[in-house]
Amino acid sequence: MFTNLDTAYLAVYIMLTGDSSSVSNWSLTENPTLTLLMVLFSFFTTIYLMNLFIGCYQILLVKQIKKNYFYF
């Protein structure tokens, strides 16, 4: 699945949806590089999503504060 760049993109997209069958045939104990890549991918995806949610929350908060200042 990871032999070509196109299929690698497809495998990563499928992994994002929660299906890890594209890497299930590989033993994680025999491939420490694959284990490291999966951990790094999960870590950086989590950091990215948290930053995205914090940014969206900040935008909503600023809009609410401006709305409250309008009443005074």
C-alpha atoms as a PDB file:
ATOM      1  CA  MET A   1       0.000   0.000   0.000  1.00  0.00           C
ATOM      2  CA  PHE A   2       2.896   2.385   0.626  1.00  0.00           C
ATOM      3  CA  THR A   3       4.871   1.540  -2.508  1.00  0.00           C
ATOM      4  CA  ASN A   4       3.671   4.532  -4.539  1.00  0.00           C
ATOM      5  CA  LEU A   5       3.036   8.078  -3.401  1.00  0.00           C
ATOM      6  CA  ASP A   6      -0.581   7.982  -4.594  1.00  0.00           C
ATOM      7  CA  THR A   7      -1.420   4.845  -2.650  1.00  0.00           C
ATOM      8  CA  ALA A   8       0.425   6.212   0.389  1.00  0.00           C
ATOM      9  CA  TYR A   9      -1.844   9.268   0.372  1.00  0.00           C
ATOM     10  CA  LEU A  10      -4.836   6.963   0.108  1.00  0.00           C
ATOM     11  CA  ALA A  11      -3.588   4.834   3.015  1.00  0.00           C
ATOM     12  CA  VAL A  12      -3.072   7.887   5.213  1.00  0.00           C
ATOM     13  CA  TYR A  13      -6.562   9.142   4.353  1.00  0.00           C
ATOM     14  CA  ILE A  14      -8.021   5.763   5.235  1.00  0.00           C
ATOM     15  CA  MET A  15      -6.081   5.802   8.511  1.00  0.00           C
ATOM     16  CA  LEU A  16      -7.535   9.234   9.292  1.00  0.00           C
ATOM     17  CA  THR A  17     -11.022   7.784   9.033  1.00  0.00           C
ATOM     18  CA  GLY A  18     -10.124   5.185  11.664  1.00  0.00           C
ATOM     19  CA  ASP A  19      -9.407   2.115   9.537  1.00  0.00           C
ATOM     20  CA  SER A  20      -5.889   0.816  10.177  1.00  0.00           C
ATOM     21  CA  SER A  21      -6.167  -2.242   7.939  1.00  0.00           C
ATOM     22  CA  SER A  22      -3.594  -0.765   5.537  1.00  0.00           C
ATOM     23  CA  VAL A  23      -0.865  -1.368   8.126  1.00  0.00           C
ATOM     24  CA  SER A  24      -2.378  -4.342   9.933  1.00  0.00           C
ATOM     25  CA  ASN A  25      -0.407  -6.916   7.884  1.00  0.00           C
ATOM     26  CA  TRP A  26       2.842  -5.428   9.188  1.00  0.00           C
ATOM     27  CA  SER A  27       4.092  -6.437  12.581  1.00  0.00           C
ATOM     28  CA  LEU A  28       4.845  -3.368  14.662  1.00  0.00           C
ATOM     29  CA  THR A  29       7.459  -5.196  16.731  1.00  0.00           C
ATOM     30  CA  GLU A  30       9.465  -6.073  13.619  1.00  0.00           C
ATOM     31  CA  ASN A  31       9.158  -2.576  12.114  1.00  0.00           C
ATOM     32  CA  PRO A  32      10.176   0.037  14.678  1.00  0.00           C
ATOM     33  CA  THR A  33      10.201   2.688  11.965  1.00  0.00           C
ATOM     34  CA  LEU A  34       6.530   2.070  11.233  1.00  0.00           C
ATOM     35  CA  THR A  35       5.750   2.247  14.938  1.00  0.00           C
ATOM     36  CA  LEU A  36       7.603   5.539  15.245  1.00  0.00           C
ATOM     37  CA  LEU A  37       5.830   6.979  12.199  1.00  0.00           C
ATOM     38  CA  MET A  38       2.410   5.965  13.520  1.00  0.00           C
ATOM     39  CA  VAL A  39       3.132   7.522  16.907  1.00  0.00           C
ATOM     40  CA  LEU A  40       4.442  10.734  15.342  1.00  0.00           C
ATOM     41  CA  PHE A  41       1.470  10.926  13.000  1.00  0.00           C
ATOM     42  CA  SER A  42      -0.959  10.518  15.889  1.00  0.00           C
ATOM     43  CA  PHE A  43       0.888  13.069  18.017  1.00  0.00           C
ATOM     44  CA  PHE A  44       1.126  15.780  15.366  1.00  0.00           C
ATOM     45  CA  THR A  45      -2.445  15.213  14.195  1.00  0.00           C
ATOM     46  CA  THR A  46      -3.650  15.668  17.772  1.00  0.00           C
ATOM     47  CA  ILE A  47      -1.599  18.855  18.193  1.00  0.00           C
ATOM     48  CA  TYR A  48      -2.927  20.231  14.890  1.00  0.00           C
ATOM     49  CA  LEU A  49      -6.552  19.499  15.766  1.00  0.00           C
ATOM     50  CA  MET A  50      -6.185  21.039  19.224  1.00  0.00           C
ATOM     51  CA  ASN A  51      -4.749  24.219  17.686  1.00  0.00           C
ATOM     52  CA  LEU A  52      -7.597  24.298  15.193  1.00  0.00           C
ATOM     53  CA  PHE A  53     -10.233  23.978  17.921  1.00  0.00           C
ATOM     54  CA  ILE A  54      -8.527  26.595  20.099  1.00  0.00           C
ATOM     55  CA  GLY A  55      -8.440  29.002  17.143  1.00  0.00           C
ATOM     56  CA  CYS A  56     -12.129  28.464  16.420  1.00  0.00           C
ATOM     57  CA  TYR A  57     -12.975  28.973  20.091  1.00  0.00           C
ATOM     58  CA  GLN A  58     -10.957  32.189  20.173  1.00  0.00           C
ATOM     59  CA  ILE A  59     -12.833  33.561  17.153  1.00  0.00           C
ATOM     60  CA  LEU A  60     -16.168  32.795  18.825  1.00  0.00           C
ATOM     61  CA  LEU A  61     -14.991  34.355  22.072  1.00  0.00           C
ATOM     62  CA  VAL A  62     -13.876  37.579  20.368  1.00  0.00           C
ATOM     63  CA  LYS A  63     -17.212  37.840  18.571  1.00  0.00           C
ATOM     64  CA  GLN A  64     -19.047  37.389  21.874  1.00  0.00           C
ATOM     65  CA  ILE A  65     -16.915  40.044  23.597  1.00  0.00           C
ATOM     66  CA  LYS A  66     -17.531  42.537  20.772  1.00  0.00           C
ATOM     67  CA  LYS A  67     -21.244  41.803  20.989  1.00  0.00           C
ATOM     68  CA  ASN A  68     -21.228  42.442  24.745  1.00  0.00           C
ATOM     69  CA  TYR A  69     -19.330  45.752  24.341  1.00  0.00           C
ATOM     70  CA  PHE A  70     -21.993  46.899  21.905  1.00  0.00           C
ATOM     71  CA  TYR A  71     -24.608  46.876  24.682  1.00  0.00           C
ATOM     72  CA  PHE A  72     -22.669  49.289  26.936  1.00  0.00           C
END
